[in-house]
Amino acid sequence: YSDYGDFDVEITVPAEYNVWSSGVLHNAKEIYRNKYMERIEEASKSDEVIHIIDKSDRDENKITVAGVKHVWKFKASNLPDFAFIVSNKYLWDATSAKVGDKRILVNSVYNESSENFRKVTEISKKSIEYYSNIVPAIPYPYPQFTAFNGEAKGMEFPAMINDREEDEFSTLFTTTHEIAHTYFPFYVGTNEQEYGWMDEGLVSIIGISALVDFMETDEASIFPLVNKKYHAESAKLAIDIPLMVGTHSAGDFTSGFMTYVRPITAFSLLFDYMGKDKFYQAIREFTEQWKDKHPIPYDMFYAFNKVANEDLGWFWEPWFFDLGYADIAIGKIDFGTDEITINVENWGSFPIPVNLTVNYKNGETHSVNKKMDIWKSGNKSCQIIVPKGDIAEVVLDTNTPEAYYVNNILSY
């Protein structure tokens, strides 16, 4: 949670080592031999992946000019932090991403034994272009990017990410997610110590958007997985505490739920309520308005309220400030002369959509979908009207995030 500054960094290492960092290398010609400079130059203009250092280059070990040590000189502007990686073993691929009228050099450096990490260069290029042009539609703010293949689980840094070797889907997921951190926390300067859910929640949603774009599906195919995670953990393991308590107050186990599961679930519900276009407009406006300014949660709440054109306090308060959980249940069913009234009870107190299906004994079905503002007034029950008939079963959709599903089916 640092302020923004300019970095002028010199790193001295033995001659056979290479260094990549958050900054731009300003003395590359003093360090790299000519053929590697040519490859770097080619990659900086190319849409194709260029192998800058491959296994044969490492075996030959004549990548840098002869010497005992080299001083690597990096510069970077307007960053909250600076990171670097040093290796004499990593292979190096690179390409470039087109962002407006500029080209962003995209690097990935990895262990020779890695398999799926060899796909990270292309994934990174697509991610940078997606975030720059689609969501949040704000140009990638750094002149270059590097993904490195460390041993620990994924982690973000300004203009850099760490990915360990994972399966193909996890590699895609982690890469898109960590690059999304470019905007949260780094672009806007949110406080991860106090409100880790602000960056992880928003990053997860735009990361899912990029993910489903690459997979040629839609968000609806991923959100049920989020909801199942919420169902598996909420209100069962004594780890569900209000997000506004502050991340630093929670232990590791609890912070995992309150930093990822509960806020991602909440944002996915808001995505459903506002609609994709308005939701992403709100993210864009919040991001641009608070660039470099260290926003707090209330700033984000107000930005979403503005775009939604309503006070969303009925949503923010339970999901971000209150103890509790989401759980709706099928209540009393009244059989009228011409129609049937199904009472849906909000046992948990958090607002969620009502997606109800009635299966009749003649094989017909009737579905009713109500957005989560059906609980806006604080009511604890709502009435759903369905056609009269001989009911076999009433079902509340178990893809909706709830702590309990045992009260979601009523059979006759």
Protein backbone atom coordinates (compact mmCIF):
# COMPACT_ATOMS: atom_id res chain seq x y z
CA TYR A 1 0.00 0.00 0.00
CA SER A 2 2.71 2.41 -1.07
CA ASP A 3 2.36 5.78 -2.71
CA TYR A 4 3.35 6.19 -6.34
CA GLY A 5 6.90 7.03 -7.34
CA ASP A 6 9.56 6.81 -10.02
CA PHE A 7 12.23 4.10 -9.74
CA ASP A 8 15.82 4.27 -10.93
CA VAL A 9 17.30 0.87 -10.05
CA GLU A 10 20.69 -0.76 -10.60
CA ILE A 11 21.07 -4.50 -9.98
CA THR A 12 24.52 -6.09 -10.11
CA VAL A 13 24.70 -9.84 -10.76
CA PRO A 14 27.22 -12.35 -12.14
CA ALA A 15 27.56 -12.10 -15.91
CA GLU A 16 25.72 -15.35 -16.75
CA TYR A 17 22.52 -14.20 -15.01
CA ASN A 18 19.58 -12.38 -16.59
CA VAL A 19 17.31 -9.89 -14.84
CA TRP A 20 13.71 -8.94 -15.60
CA SER A 21 11.83 -6.33 -13.60
CA SER A 22 8.91 -3.93 -13.25
CA GLY A 23 11.02 -1.33 -15.02
CA VAL A 24 12.38 -0.88 -18.54
CA LEU A 25 16.00 -1.95 -19.10
CA HIS A 26 17.98 1.08 -20.28
CA ASN A 27 21.36 -0.49 -20.99
CA ALA A 28 20.37 -3.66 -22.82
CA LYS A 29 22.99 -3.14 -25.55
CA GLU A 30 25.73 -3.13 -22.91
CA ILE A 31 24.60 -6.54 -21.64
CA TYR A 32 23.05 -8.69 -24.39
CA ARG A 33 24.91 -9.99 -27.40
CA ASN A 34 23.63 -8.76 -30.76
CA LYS A 35 21.47 -11.72 -31.77
CA TYR A 36 19.49 -11.44 -28.52
CA MET A 37 19.01 -7.72 -29.02
CA GLU A 38 17.64 -8.51 -32.49
CA ARG A 39 15.21 -11.05 -31.04
CA ILE A 40 14.02 -8.61 -28.37
CA GLU A 41 13.51 -5.95 -31.03
CA GLU A 42 11.58 -8.41 -33.21
CA ALA A 43 9.34 -9.47 -30.32
CA SER A 44 8.58 -5.84 -29.42
CA LYS A 45 6.95 -5.40 -32.86
CA SER A 46 5.49 -8.87 -33.41
CA ASP A 47 2.12 -10.54 -32.88
CA GLU A 48 3.88 -13.90 -32.89
CA VAL A 49 5.74 -15.49 -29.98
CA ILE A 50 9.52 -15.18 -30.40
CA HIS A 51 11.88 -17.54 -28.56
CA ILE A 52 14.49 -15.15 -27.22
CA ILE A 53 16.33 -17.67 -25.04
CA ASP A 54 15.77 -21.37 -25.71
CA LYS A 55 17.50 -24.49 -24.38
CA SER A 56 20.29 -24.36 -26.94
CA ASP A 57 21.05 -20.77 -25.93
CA ARG A 58 21.32 -21.81 -22.29
CA ASP A 59 23.54 -24.73 -23.23
CA GLU A 60 25.84 -22.45 -25.23
CA ASN A 61 25.82 -19.90 -22.38
CA LYS A 62 26.80 -16.90 -24.50
CA ILE A 63 23.72 -14.74 -23.98
CA THR A 64 25.37 -11.75 -22.32
CA VAL A 65 28.65 -10.11 -23.27
CA ALA A 66 31.76 -11.52 -21.65
CA GLY A 67 32.57 -10.28 -18.18
CA VAL A 68 32.52 -11.08 -14.49
CA LYS A 69 29.49 -8.98 -13.51
CA HIS A 70 26.92 -6.79 -15.21
CA VAL A 71 25.02 -3.82 -13.82
CA TRP A 72 21.42 -3.88 -15.03
CA LYS A 73 19.87 -0.40 -15.12
CA PHE A 74 16.09 -0.14 -14.93
CA LYS A 75 13.74 2.82 -14.83
CA ALA A 76 10.00 2.92 -14.12
CA SER A 77 7.51 5.75 -13.67
CA ASN A 78 4.49 6.05 -11.39
CA LEU A 79 4.61 2.65 -9.71
CA PRO A 80 3.59 1.79 -6.13
CA ASP A 81 6.30 -0.89 -5.94
CA PHE A 82 9.15 -2.51 -7.88
CA ALA A 83 9.91 -6.21 -8.36
CA PHE A 84 12.57 -8.19 -10.19
CA ILE A 85 13.58 -11.77 -10.99
CA VAL A 86 17.12 -13.10 -11.47
CA SER A 87 17.93 -16.39 -13.22
CA ASN A 88 20.66 -18.16 -15.17
CA LYS A 89 18.36 -21.03 -16.15
CA TYR A 90 15.01 -19.65 -17.31
CA LEU A 91 13.97 -19.83 -20.95
CA TRP A 92 12.46 -16.64 -22.39
CA ASP A 93 9.61 -16.12 -24.85
CA ALA A 94 8.22 -12.75 -25.88
CA THR A 95 5.67 -11.06 -28.12
CA SER A 96 3.85 -7.73 -28.05
CA ALA A 97 0.30 -6.60 -27.36
CA LYS A 98 -1.35 -3.83 -29.37
CA VAL A 99 -2.79 -1.22 -27.03
CA GLY A 100 -4.02 1.88 -28.81
CA ASP A 101 -1.15 3.16 -30.94
CA LYS A 102 1.47 1.50 -28.73
CA ARG A 103 3.05 -1.92 -28.47
CA ILE A 104 3.53 -3.51 -25.03
CA LEU A 105 6.43 -5.98 -24.82
CA VAL A 106 5.07 -9.19 -23.26
CA ASN A 107 7.60 -11.59 -21.74
CA SER A 108 7.37 -14.97 -20.08
CA VAL A 109 10.38 -16.60 -18.45
CA TYR A 110 10.13 -20.18 -17.26
CA ASN A 111 11.77 -23.41 -16.23
CA GLU A 112 12.81 -25.78 -19.00
CA SER A 113 10.71 -28.53 -17.36
CA SER A 114 7.50 -26.47 -17.51
CA GLU A 115 4.93 -27.47 -20.11
CA ASN A 116 1.80 -25.36 -19.70
CA PHE A 117 3.80 -22.24 -18.83
CA ARG A 118 4.94 -22.18 -22.45
CA LYS A 119 1.41 -20.96 -23.23
CA VAL A 120 1.63 -18.03 -20.82
CA THR A 121 3.09 -15.57 -23.35
CA GLU A 122 0.07 -15.85 -25.61
CA ILE A 123 -2.38 -15.85 -22.68
CA SER A 124 -0.70 -12.72 -21.28
CA LYS A 125 -0.88 -10.92 -24.63
CA LYS A 126 -4.59 -11.71 -24.99
CA SER A 127 -5.27 -10.68 -21.38
CA ILE A 128 -3.55 -7.31 -21.75
CA GLU A 129 -5.46 -6.61 -24.97
CA TYR A 130 -8.75 -7.72 -23.41
CA TYR A 131 -8.38 -5.55 -20.30
CA SER A 132 -7.19 -2.61 -22.39
CA ASN A 133 -10.00 -2.75 -24.93
CA ILE A 134 -12.99 -4.59 -23.41
CA VAL A 135 -13.04 -4.59 -19.58
CA PRO A 136 -12.26 -2.31 -17.89
CA ALA A 137 -11.36 -0.77 -21.27
CA ILE A 138 -8.48 1.19 -19.78
CA PRO A 139 -5.13 0.93 -21.61
CA TYR A 140 -2.52 -1.22 -19.89
CA PRO A 141 -0.48 1.40 -18.01
CA TYR A 142 3.05 -0.03 -18.26
CA PRO A 143 5.41 -0.21 -21.29
CA GLN A 144 6.17 -3.88 -20.75
CA PHE A 145 5.12 -6.97 -18.81
CA THR A 146 6.81 -10.14 -17.53
CA ALA A 147 5.33 -13.40 -16.24
CA PHE A 148 7.82 -15.55 -14.37
CA ASN A 149 7.54 -19.20 -13.43
CA GLY A 150 8.12 -19.25 -9.67
CA GLU A 151 7.37 -22.04 -7.24
CA ALA A 152 4.82 -20.28 -5.04
CA LYS A 153 1.17 -19.84 -5.98
CA GLY A 154 0.23 -16.91 -8.23
CA MET A 155 1.10 -13.39 -7.10
CA GLU A 156 0.90 -9.96 -8.67
CA PHE A 157 3.45 -7.14 -8.87
CA PRO A 158 3.50 -3.94 -10.95
CA ALA A 159 4.21 -5.05 -14.54
CA MET A 160 5.01 -8.58 -13.36
CA ILE A 161 3.25 -11.74 -12.20
CA ASN A 162 4.36 -15.04 -10.72
CA ASP A 163 2.72 -18.29 -11.89
CA ARG A 164 3.77 -21.74 -10.79
CA GLU A 165 3.47 -24.65 -13.23
CA GLU A 166 -0.17 -25.82 -13.23
CA ASP A 167 -2.60 -27.71 -15.43
CA GLU A 168 -3.83 -26.03 -18.61
CA PHE A 169 -7.04 -24.53 -17.19
CA SER A 170 -5.37 -23.33 -13.97
CA THR A 171 -2.59 -21.73 -16.01
CA LEU A 172 -5.19 -19.81 -18.02
CA PHE A 173 -7.14 -18.85 -14.90
CA THR A 174 -4.14 -17.76 -12.81
CA THR A 175 -2.54 -15.75 -15.61
CA THR A 176 -5.68 -13.78 -16.46
CA HIS A 177 -6.37 -13.21 -12.76
CA GLU A 178 -2.91 -11.97 -11.82
CA ILE A 179 -2.69 -9.61 -14.81
CA ALA A 180 -6.06 -8.12 -13.82
CA HIS A 181 -4.37 -6.96 -10.61
CA THR A 182 -2.72 -4.32 -12.80
CA TYR A 183 -5.87 -2.28 -12.18
CA PHE A 184 -6.64 -3.40 -8.62
CA PRO A 185 -4.68 -2.65 -6.50
CA PHE A 186 -1.90 -1.03 -8.55
CA TYR A 187 -3.74 1.36 -10.87
CA VAL A 188 -6.07 2.72 -8.18
CA GLY A 189 -3.98 2.02 -5.08
CA THR A 190 -6.51 0.13 -2.98
CA ASN A 191 -5.35 -1.02 0.45
CA GLU A 192 -4.85 -4.80 0.42
CA GLN A 193 -3.94 -4.87 4.11
CA GLU A 194 -7.26 -3.35 5.13
CA TYR A 195 -9.64 -4.39 2.34
CA GLY A 196 -8.09 -7.25 0.40
CA TRP A 197 -11.55 -8.10 -0.94
CA MET A 198 -11.66 -4.86 -2.95
CA ASP A 199 -8.92 -5.95 -5.33
CA GLU A 200 -9.47 -9.72 -5.19
CA GLY A 201 -13.22 -9.40 -5.68
CA LEU A 202 -13.10 -7.01 -8.63
CA VAL A 203 -10.08 -8.76 -10.17
CA SER A 204 -11.82 -12.12 -9.99
CA ILE A 205 -14.87 -10.82 -11.84
CA ILE A 206 -12.96 -9.14 -14.68
CA GLY A 207 -10.63 -12.15 -14.73
CA ILE A 208 -13.62 -14.43 -15.21
CA SER A 209 -14.80 -12.17 -18.02
CA ALA A 210 -11.45 -12.52 -19.79
CA LEU A 211 -11.41 -16.25 -19.10
CA VAL A 212 -14.81 -16.92 -20.62
CA ASP A 213 -13.93 -14.75 -23.63
CA PHE A 214 -10.88 -16.92 -24.31
CA MET A 215 -12.96 -20.08 -23.78
CA GLU A 216 -15.73 -18.73 -26.04
CA THR A 217 -18.41 -19.18 -23.39
CA ASP A 218 -20.01 -16.67 -20.98
CA GLU A 219 -19.90 -15.67 -17.32
CA ALA A 220 -22.94 -17.83 -16.56
CA SER A 221 -20.79 -20.93 -17.10
CA ILE A 222 -18.32 -19.91 -14.36
CA PHE A 223 -20.49 -18.17 -11.75
CA PRO A 224 -22.17 -21.43 -10.61
CA LEU A 225 -18.69 -22.64 -9.59
CA VAL A 226 -18.34 -19.50 -7.45
CA ASN A 227 -21.75 -20.11 -5.93
CA LYS A 228 -20.92 -23.72 -5.08
CA LYS A 229 -17.81 -22.51 -3.27
CA TYR A 230 -19.93 -20.10 -1.23
CA HIS A 231 -22.38 -22.90 -0.43
CA ALA A 232 -19.57 -25.20 0.69
CA GLU A 233 -18.08 -22.73 3.17
CA SER A 234 -20.56 -20.06 4.26
CA ALA A 235 -22.12 -20.14 7.71
CA LYS A 236 -20.71 -23.60 8.38
CA LEU A 237 -17.09 -23.18 9.43
CA ALA A 238 -17.20 -20.08 11.66
CA ILE A 239 -15.19 -18.13 9.08
CA ASP A 240 -17.86 -15.86 7.63
CA ILE A 241 -17.37 -12.40 9.12
CA PRO A 242 -18.29 -8.99 7.65
CA LEU A 243 -15.93 -7.80 4.94
CA MET A 244 -15.67 -4.31 6.41
CA VAL A 245 -14.09 -5.73 9.57
CA GLY A 246 -10.76 -5.46 7.75
CA THR A 247 -8.60 -8.17 6.21
CA HIS A 248 -5.75 -7.61 8.66
CA SER A 249 -8.04 -8.65 11.51
CA ALA A 250 -8.59 -12.14 10.12
CA GLY A 251 -6.41 -15.24 10.31
CA ASP A 252 -5.29 -17.02 7.16
CA PHE A 253 -8.22 -19.43 7.02
CA THR A 254 -10.84 -16.76 7.62
CA SER A 255 -9.21 -14.21 5.31
CA GLY A 256 -9.36 -16.68 2.42
CA PHE A 257 -13.16 -16.73 2.65
CA MET A 258 -13.64 -13.01 3.25
CA THR A 259 -11.06 -11.95 0.65
CA TYR A 260 -12.21 -14.24 -2.15
CA VAL A 261 -15.36 -16.32 -1.69
CA ARG A 262 -17.84 -13.90 -0.12
CA PRO A 263 -16.87 -10.79 -2.18
CA ILE A 264 -16.69 -12.71 -5.48
CA THR A 265 -20.14 -14.12 -4.73
CA ALA A 266 -21.45 -10.64 -3.89
CA PHE A 267 -20.01 -9.09 -7.05
CA SER A 268 -21.40 -11.91 -9.19
CA LEU A 269 -24.85 -11.17 -7.73
CA LEU A 270 -24.42 -7.47 -8.51
CA PHE A 271 -23.32 -8.43 -12.04
CA ASP A 272 -26.59 -10.36 -12.41
CA TYR A 273 -28.66 -7.52 -10.95
CA MET A 274 -27.15 -4.59 -12.88
CA GLY A 275 -26.45 -6.45 -16.11
CA LYS A 276 -23.06 -6.91 -17.71
CA ASP A 277 -22.84 -3.53 -19.46
CA LYS A 278 -23.74 -1.41 -16.43
CA PHE A 279 -21.62 -3.49 -14.08
CA TYR A 280 -18.54 -3.01 -16.22
CA GLN A 281 -19.34 0.66 -16.75
CA ALA A 282 -19.31 1.03 -12.96
CA ILE A 283 -15.93 -0.70 -12.71
CA ARG A 284 -14.56 1.53 -15.46
CA GLU A 285 -15.83 4.75 -13.87
CA PHE A 286 -14.56 3.77 -10.43
CA THR A 287 -11.14 2.86 -11.84
CA GLU A 288 -10.71 6.04 -13.86
CA GLN A 289 -12.06 8.32 -11.14
CA TRP A 290 -9.77 6.89 -8.46
CA LYS A 291 -6.57 6.31 -10.44
CA ASP A 292 -3.56 6.82 -8.11
CA LYS A 293 -5.83 8.07 -5.30
CA HIS A 294 -6.10 5.19 -2.79
CA PRO A 295 -9.90 4.72 -2.74
CA ILE A 296 -11.74 3.11 0.17
CA PRO A 297 -14.83 0.85 -0.11
CA TYR A 298 -17.28 3.76 0.17
CA ASP A 299 -15.78 5.29 -2.97
CA MET A 300 -16.48 2.06 -4.82
CA PHE A 301 -20.02 1.84 -3.39
CA TYR A 302 -20.81 5.39 -4.56
CA ALA A 303 -19.43 4.71 -8.05
CA PHE A 304 -21.71 1.69 -8.46
CA ASN A 305 -24.69 3.59 -7.02
CA LYS A 306 -24.15 6.33 -9.59
CA VAL A 307 -24.11 3.98 -12.57
CA ALA A 308 -27.00 1.89 -11.22
CA ASN A 309 -28.91 5.14 -10.68
CA GLU A 310 -30.09 3.94 -7.28
CA ASP A 311 -28.93 3.66 -3.69
CA LEU A 312 -27.73 0.07 -3.44
CA GLY A 313 -27.43 0.26 0.34
CA TRP A 314 -29.92 -2.61 0.66
CA PHE A 315 -27.28 -4.76 -1.07
CA TRP A 316 -24.04 -3.29 0.34
CA GLU A 317 -25.14 -3.42 3.97
CA PRO A 318 -25.84 -7.16 4.31
CA TRP A 319 -23.15 -8.47 1.97
CA PHE A 320 -20.34 -6.18 3.17
CA PHE A 321 -21.21 -4.99 6.69
CA ASP A 322 -23.39 -7.61 8.38
CA LEU A 323 -22.97 -10.97 9.99
CA GLY A 324 -25.17 -13.52 8.27
CA TYR A 325 -25.51 -15.53 5.13
CA ALA A 326 -27.73 -16.19 2.13
CA ASP A 327 -30.48 -18.79 2.47
CA ILE A 328 -33.97 -18.78 0.99
CA ALA A 329 -36.55 -21.52 1.43
CA ILE A 330 -39.88 -22.69 0.06
CA GLY A 331 -42.56 -21.76 2.56
CA LYS A 332 -46.32 -22.16 2.64
CA ILE A 333 -48.16 -22.87 -0.62
CA ASP A 334 -51.69 -21.51 -1.02
CA PHE A 335 -53.92 -23.20 -3.60
CA GLY A 336 -56.41 -20.65 -4.89
CA THR A 337 -59.29 -21.08 -7.31
CA ASP A 338 -57.44 -19.81 -10.37
CA GLU A 339 -53.79 -19.72 -9.29
CA ILE A 340 -51.26 -20.97 -6.78
CA THR A 341 -49.29 -18.69 -4.44
CA ILE A 342 -45.89 -19.93 -3.32
CA ASN A 343 -44.32 -18.17 -0.37
CA VAL A 344 -40.53 -17.93 -0.53
CA GLU A 345 -38.92 -17.20 2.83
CA ASN A 346 -35.61 -15.39 3.34
CA TRP A 347 -34.19 -17.37 6.25
CA GLY A 348 -30.66 -16.05 5.89
CA SER A 349 -31.21 -12.26 5.48
CA PHE A 350 -28.85 -11.61 2.53
CA PRO A 351 -30.53 -10.61 -0.76
CA ILE A 352 -30.20 -13.14 -3.58
CA PRO A 353 -32.32 -13.79 -6.70
CA VAL A 354 -35.32 -16.09 -6.59
CA ASN A 355 -35.16 -18.62 -9.43
CA LEU A 356 -38.11 -20.94 -8.93
CA THR A 357 -39.41 -23.80 -11.07
CA VAL A 358 -42.70 -25.64 -10.65
CA ASN A 359 -42.92 -29.12 -12.14
CA TYR A 360 -46.48 -30.33 -12.72
CA LYS A 361 -47.54 -33.97 -12.75
CA ASN A 362 -48.64 -33.66 -16.39
CA GLY A 363 -45.03 -32.96 -17.39
CA GLU A 364 -45.37 -29.21 -17.79
CA THR A 365 -43.06 -26.75 -16.03
CA HIS A 366 -43.34 -23.09 -15.08
CA SER A 367 -40.35 -20.95 -14.11
CA VAL A 368 -40.26 -17.59 -12.34
CA ASN A 369 -37.11 -15.47 -11.98
CA LYS A 370 -37.01 -12.49 -9.66
CA LYS A 371 -33.95 -10.28 -9.23
CA MET A 372 -32.50 -9.88 -5.76
CA ASP A 373 -34.15 -6.50 -5.21
CA ILE A 374 -37.27 -8.46 -4.36
CA TRP A 375 -35.81 -8.28 -0.80
CA LYS A 376 -34.97 -4.57 -1.08
CA SER A 377 -37.51 -3.39 1.50
CA GLY A 378 -36.22 -5.78 4.16
CA ASN A 379 -39.17 -8.14 3.82
CA LYS A 380 -38.58 -11.71 4.99
CA SER A 381 -40.94 -13.40 2.52
CA CYS A 382 -42.25 -12.87 -0.99
CA GLN A 383 -45.11 -14.35 -2.95
CA ILE A 384 -44.71 -16.05 -6.32
CA ILE A 385 -47.86 -16.62 -8.40
CA VAL A 386 -47.92 -19.65 -10.71
CA PRO A 387 -50.67 -21.28 -12.81
CA LYS A 388 -53.07 -23.67 -11.12
CA GLY A 389 -52.36 -27.36 -11.64
CA ASP A 390 -51.44 -30.64 -10.00
CA ILE A 391 -47.95 -29.91 -8.64
CA ALA A 392 -45.31 -32.62 -8.47
CA GLU A 393 -42.43 -30.51 -7.23
CA VAL A 394 -41.39 -26.94 -6.40
CA VAL A 395 -37.67 -26.20 -6.77
CA LEU A 396 -35.44 -23.24 -5.93
CA ASP A 397 -32.38 -23.27 -8.19
CA THR A 398 -29.29 -24.65 -6.47
CA ASN A 399 -26.98 -22.64 -8.75
CA THR A 400 -27.97 -19.59 -6.69
CA PRO A 401 -25.47 -18.94 -3.87
CA GLU A 402 -26.91 -20.16 -0.59
CA ALA A 403 -25.57 -21.60 2.64
CA TYR A 404 -28.20 -24.37 2.65
CA TYR A 405 -30.08 -26.17 -0.11
CA VAL A 406 -32.04 -28.65 2.04
CA ASN A 407 -35.04 -26.29 2.04
CA ASN A 408 -35.04 -25.71 -1.73
CA ILE A 409 -37.25 -28.60 -2.86
CA LEU A 410 -40.83 -29.43 -1.93
CA SER A 411 -42.28 -32.60 -3.46
CA TYR A 412 -45.84 -33.86 -3.54
